Amino acid sequence: MPNPMEMMKVLGMWNTFKSNHPKFPMFMSAASQPGVITEDTVIEVKITTANGKVLETNLKIKESDLELVEQVKNLQR
């Protein structure tokens, strides 16, 4: 069972994150709408470090990934 104090700490950190990056929760909300992430959807991730190094990857969602995608969506609620 999760520690309630740790959950409260994470919730506070999440609220700070949302305040610092208000577009990200809106993006996640839009991305989690029904029909957005389906089989063959491509998800791309790009990180640009402070010194300019770029790390990027992508993945194509398979049918077997969809249950995990749904579980991650449920964590947002």
C-alpha atoms as a PDB file:
ATOM      1  CA  MET A   1       0.000   0.000   0.000  1.00  0.00           C
ATOM      2  CA  PRO A   2       1.404   3.431  -0.940  1.00  0.00           C
ATOM      3  CA  ASN A   3       2.592   5.679   1.865  1.00  0.00           C
ATOM      4  CA  PRO A   4       0.056   8.559   2.198  1.00  0.00           C
ATOM      5  CA  MET A   5       2.797  11.060   3.092  1.00  0.00           C
ATOM      6  CA  GLU A   6       4.791  10.143  -0.019  1.00  0.00           C
ATOM      7  CA  MET A   7       1.636  10.428  -2.129  1.00  0.00           C
ATOM      8  CA  MET A   8       0.997  13.908  -0.736  1.00  0.00           C
ATOM      9  CA  LYS A   9       4.610  14.874  -1.499  1.00  0.00           C
ATOM     10  CA  VAL A  10       4.299  13.638  -5.092  1.00  0.00           C
ATOM     11  CA  LEU A  11       0.968  15.427  -5.494  1.00  0.00           C
ATOM     12  CA  GLY A  12       2.579  18.679  -4.365  1.00  0.00           C
ATOM     13  CA  MET A  13       5.439  18.153  -6.784  1.00  0.00           C
ATOM     14  CA  TRP A  14       2.964  17.428  -9.592  1.00  0.00           C
ATOM     15  CA  ASN A  15       1.060  20.625  -8.822  1.00  0.00           C
ATOM     16  CA  THR A  16       4.306  22.610  -9.002  1.00  0.00           C
ATOM     17  CA  PHE A  17       5.181  20.888 -12.298  1.00  0.00           C
ATOM     18  CA  LYS A  18       1.752  21.757 -13.738  1.00  0.00           C
ATOM     19  CA  SER A  19       2.209  25.354 -12.660  1.00  0.00           C
ATOM     20  CA  ASN A  20       5.657  25.504 -14.281  1.00  0.00           C
ATOM     21  CA  HIS A  21       4.520  23.765 -17.487  1.00  0.00           C
ATOM     22  CA  PRO A  22       0.786  24.449 -17.992  1.00  0.00           C
ATOM     23  CA  LYS A  23       0.755  23.265 -21.618  1.00  0.00           C
ATOM     24  CA  PHE A  24       1.991  19.766 -20.754  1.00  0.00           C
ATOM     25  CA  PRO A  25      -1.123  18.614 -18.825  1.00  0.00           C
ATOM     26  CA  MET A  26      -3.295  20.039 -21.613  1.00  0.00           C
ATOM     27  CA  PHE A  27      -1.238  18.087 -24.165  1.00  0.00           C
ATOM     28  CA  MET A  28      -1.550  14.888 -22.127  1.00  0.00           C
ATOM     29  CA  SER A  29      -5.295  15.431 -21.803  1.00  0.00           C
ATOM     30  CA  ALA A  30      -5.647  15.852 -25.567  1.00  0.00           C
ATOM     31  CA  ALA A  31      -3.426  12.833 -26.233  1.00  0.00           C
ATOM     32  CA  SER A  32      -5.490  10.657 -23.915  1.00  0.00           C
ATOM     33  CA  GLN A  33      -8.785  11.292 -25.703  1.00  0.00           C
ATOM     34  CA  PRO A  34     -10.401   8.177 -27.182  1.00  0.00           C
ATOM     35  CA  GLY A  35      -9.120   7.304 -30.634  1.00  0.00           C
ATOM     36  CA  VAL A  36      -5.949   9.427 -30.488  1.00  0.00           C
ATOM     37  CA  ILE A  37      -3.496   6.640 -29.637  1.00  0.00           C
ATOM     38  CA  THR A  38      -4.370   3.596 -31.682  1.00  0.00           C
ATOM     39  CA  GLU A  39      -2.441   0.810 -33.345  1.00  0.00           C
ATOM     40  CA  ASP A  40       0.210   2.251 -35.729  1.00  0.00           C
ATOM     41  CA  THR A  41       0.241   5.637 -33.947  1.00  0.00           C
ATOM     42  CA  VAL A  42       3.822   6.940 -33.789  1.00  0.00           C
ATOM     43  CA  ILE A  43       4.986   8.557 -30.546  1.00  0.00           C
ATOM     44  CA  GLU A  44       8.144  10.648 -30.783  1.00  0.00           C
ATOM     45  CA  VAL A  45      10.255  11.887 -27.877  1.00  0.00           C
ATOM     46  CA  LYS A  46      12.999  14.496 -28.222  1.00  0.00           C
ATOM     47  CA  ILE A  47      15.247  15.873 -25.485  1.00  0.00           C
ATOM     48  CA  THR A  48      17.577  18.815 -26.034  1.00  0.00           C
ATOM     49  CA  THR A  49      20.021  19.239 -23.148  1.00  0.00           C
ATOM     50  CA  ALA A  50      21.197  22.620 -21.853  1.00  0.00           C
ATOM     51  CA  ASN A  51      24.439  22.194 -23.805  1.00  0.00           C
ATOM     52  CA  GLY A  52      22.581  21.396 -27.044  1.00  0.00           C
ATOM     53  CA  LYS A  53      22.896  17.605 -27.172  1.00  0.00           C
ATOM     54  CA  VAL A  54      19.824  16.060 -28.787  1.00  0.00           C
ATOM     55  CA  LEU A  55      18.422  12.655 -27.864  1.00  0.00           C
ATOM     56  CA  GLU A  56      15.403  11.417 -29.751  1.00  0.00           C
ATOM     57  CA  THR A  57      13.485   8.275 -30.470  1.00  0.00           C
ATOM     58  CA  ASN A  58      10.090   7.132 -31.680  1.00  0.00           C
ATOM     59  CA  LEU A  59       7.909   4.104 -31.399  1.00  0.00           C
ATOM     60  CA  LYS A  60       4.981   2.761 -33.342  1.00  0.00           C
ATOM     61  CA  ILE A  61       2.177   1.516 -31.114  1.00  0.00           C
ATOM     62  CA  LYS A  62       1.335  -2.135 -31.604  1.00  0.00           C
ATOM     63  CA  GLU A  63      -1.947  -3.792 -30.727  1.00  0.00           C
ATOM     64  CA  SER A  64      -0.222  -5.447 -27.758  1.00  0.00           C
ATOM     65  CA  ASP A  65       0.735  -1.976 -26.404  1.00  0.00           C
ATOM     66  CA  LEU A  66      -2.811  -0.653 -26.234  1.00  0.00           C
ATOM     67  CA  GLU A  67      -3.669  -2.135 -22.811  1.00  0.00           C
ATOM     68  CA  LEU A  68      -0.587  -0.465 -21.303  1.00  0.00           C
ATOM     69  CA  VAL A  69      -1.578   2.829 -22.951  1.00  0.00           C
ATOM     70  CA  GLU A  70      -5.024   2.551 -21.355  1.00  0.00           C
ATOM     71  CA  GLN A  71      -3.508   1.829 -17.929  1.00  0.00           C
ATOM     72  CA  VAL A  72      -1.255   4.902 -18.223  1.00  0.00           C
ATOM     73  CA  LYS A  73      -4.293   7.008 -19.176  1.00  0.00           C
ATOM     74  CA  ASN A  74      -6.061   5.771 -16.037  1.00  0.00           C
ATOM     75  CA  LEU A  75      -3.151   6.968 -13.859  1.00  0.00           C
ATOM     76  CA  GLN A  76      -3.952  10.544 -14.915  1.00  0.00           C
ATOM     77  CA  ARG A  77      -7.416  10.361 -13.409  1.00  0.00           C
END
